[in-house]
Amino acid sequence: MRVSDRGRRSSSAVLIYVIILMAMQVFLVTVAAEAFLADEAGLAWATAIVSVVLFAAAASFLHYLRP
């Protein structure tokens, strides 16, 4: 079975989005850890929540990639 060019481009685009989301998530986890160590609970929780949302988005994109 041959994969169409359009399907391959779509998969590549989704993979790029996943990589970008994961890079942002790593940055946010770092910021949350720094905020936690600096006793800034509000910033730590906010960045942790956004990181979890990004994880959910990346997981849904990866679910889209798997047949």
C-alpha atoms as a PDB file:
ATOM      1  CA  MET A   1       0.000   0.000   0.000  1.00  0.00           C
ATOM      2  CA  ARG A   2       1.444   3.326  -1.031  1.00  0.00           C
ATOM      3  CA  VAL A   3       1.205   6.353   1.244  1.00  0.00           C
ATOM      4  CA  SER A   4       0.017   9.452  -0.528  1.00  0.00           C
ATOM      5  CA  ASP A   5       2.161  12.568  -0.648  1.00  0.00           C
ATOM      6  CA  ARG A   6      -0.571  14.549   1.074  1.00  0.00           C
ATOM      7  CA  GLY A   7      -0.753  12.078   3.958  1.00  0.00           C
ATOM      8  CA  ARG A   8       3.012  12.164   4.388  1.00  0.00           C
ATOM      9  CA  ARG A   9       2.993  15.970   4.541  1.00  0.00           C
ATOM     10  CA  SER A  10       0.201  15.912   7.086  1.00  0.00           C
ATOM     11  CA  SER A  11       2.116  13.462   9.258  1.00  0.00           C
ATOM     12  CA  SER A  12       5.250  15.560   9.022  1.00  0.00           C
ATOM     13  CA  ALA A  13       3.373  18.706  10.009  1.00  0.00           C
ATOM     14  CA  VAL A  14       1.809  16.998  13.020  1.00  0.00           C
ATOM     15  CA  LEU A  15       5.212  15.680  14.068  1.00  0.00           C
ATOM     16  CA  ILE A  16       6.668  19.208  13.882  1.00  0.00           C
ATOM     17  CA  TYR A  17       3.816  20.471  16.099  1.00  0.00           C
ATOM     18  CA  VAL A  18       4.511  17.712  18.624  1.00  0.00           C
ATOM     19  CA  ILE A  19       8.215  18.578  18.739  1.00  0.00           C
ATOM     20  CA  ILE A  20       7.438  22.271  19.275  1.00  0.00           C
ATOM     21  CA  LEU A  21       4.887  21.480  21.997  1.00  0.00           C
ATOM     22  CA  MET A  22       7.335  19.206  23.789  1.00  0.00           C
ATOM     23  CA  ALA A  23      10.074  21.864  23.667  1.00  0.00           C
ATOM     24  CA  MET A  24       7.676  24.396  25.160  1.00  0.00           C
ATOM     25  CA  GLN A  25       6.662  21.882  27.807  1.00  0.00           C
ATOM     26  CA  VAL A  26      10.273  21.278  28.866  1.00  0.00           C
ATOM     27  CA  PHE A  27      10.764  25.050  29.164  1.00  0.00           C
ATOM     28  CA  LEU A  28       7.608  25.399  31.274  1.00  0.00           C
ATOM     29  CA  VAL A  29       8.603  22.547  33.575  1.00  0.00           C
ATOM     30  CA  THR A  30      11.946  24.277  34.108  1.00  0.00           C
ATOM     31  CA  VAL A  31      10.203  27.568  34.912  1.00  0.00           C
ATOM     32  CA  ALA A  32       7.827  25.770  37.293  1.00  0.00           C
ATOM     33  CA  ALA A  33      10.729  24.107  39.118  1.00  0.00           C
ATOM     34  CA  GLU A  34      12.568  27.425  39.414  1.00  0.00           C
ATOM     35  CA  ALA A  35       9.417  29.129  40.715  1.00  0.00           C
ATOM     36  CA  PHE A  36       8.841  26.349  43.217  1.00  0.00           C
ATOM     37  CA  LEU A  37      12.406  26.676  44.526  1.00  0.00           C
ATOM     38  CA  ALA A  38      11.982  30.468  44.757  1.00  0.00           C
ATOM     39  CA  ASP A  39       8.759  30.056  46.814  1.00  0.00           C
ATOM     40  CA  GLU A  40       6.550  31.554  44.107  1.00  0.00           C
ATOM     41  CA  ALA A  41       3.656  29.123  44.353  1.00  0.00           C
ATOM     42  CA  GLY A  42       1.335  31.008  41.977  1.00  0.00           C
ATOM     43  CA  LEU A  43       3.808  30.968  39.108  1.00  0.00           C
ATOM     44  CA  ALA A  44       4.774  27.361  39.802  1.00  0.00           C
ATOM     45  CA  TRP A  45       1.168  26.124  39.666  1.00  0.00           C
ATOM     46  CA  ALA A  46       0.288  28.223  36.613  1.00  0.00           C
ATOM     47  CA  THR A  47       3.219  26.944  34.577  1.00  0.00           C
ATOM     48  CA  ALA A  48       2.618  23.389  35.740  1.00  0.00           C
ATOM     49  CA  ILE A  49      -1.013  23.567  34.592  1.00  0.00           C
ATOM     50  CA  VAL A  50      -0.028  24.972  31.193  1.00  0.00           C
ATOM     51  CA  SER A  51       2.574  22.211  30.891  1.00  0.00           C
ATOM     52  CA  VAL A  52      -0.094  19.571  31.533  1.00  0.00           C
ATOM     53  CA  VAL A  53      -2.338  21.157  28.888  1.00  0.00           C
ATOM     54  CA  LEU A  54       0.540  21.075  26.389  1.00  0.00           C
ATOM     55  CA  PHE A  55       1.136  17.417  27.244  1.00  0.00           C
ATOM     56  CA  ALA A  56      -2.527  16.658  26.515  1.00  0.00           C
ATOM     57  CA  ALA A  57      -2.304  18.489  23.186  1.00  0.00           C
ATOM     58  CA  ALA A  58       0.864  16.617  22.200  1.00  0.00           C
ATOM     59  CA  ALA A  59      -0.707  13.297  23.223  1.00  0.00           C
ATOM     60  CA  SER A  60      -3.765  14.002  21.091  1.00  0.00           C
ATOM     61  CA  PHE A  61      -1.554  14.853  18.100  1.00  0.00           C
ATOM     62  CA  LEU A  62       0.400  11.632  18.577  1.00  0.00           C
ATOM     63  CA  HIS A  63      -2.885   9.718  18.786  1.00  0.00           C
ATOM     64  CA  TYR A  64      -3.761  11.273  15.414  1.00  0.00           C
ATOM     65  CA  LEU A  65      -0.501   9.938  13.920  1.00  0.00           C
ATOM     66  CA  ARG A  66      -1.087   6.328  14.972  1.00  0.00           C
ATOM     67  CA  PRO A  67      -3.467   4.417  12.726  1.00  0.00           C
END
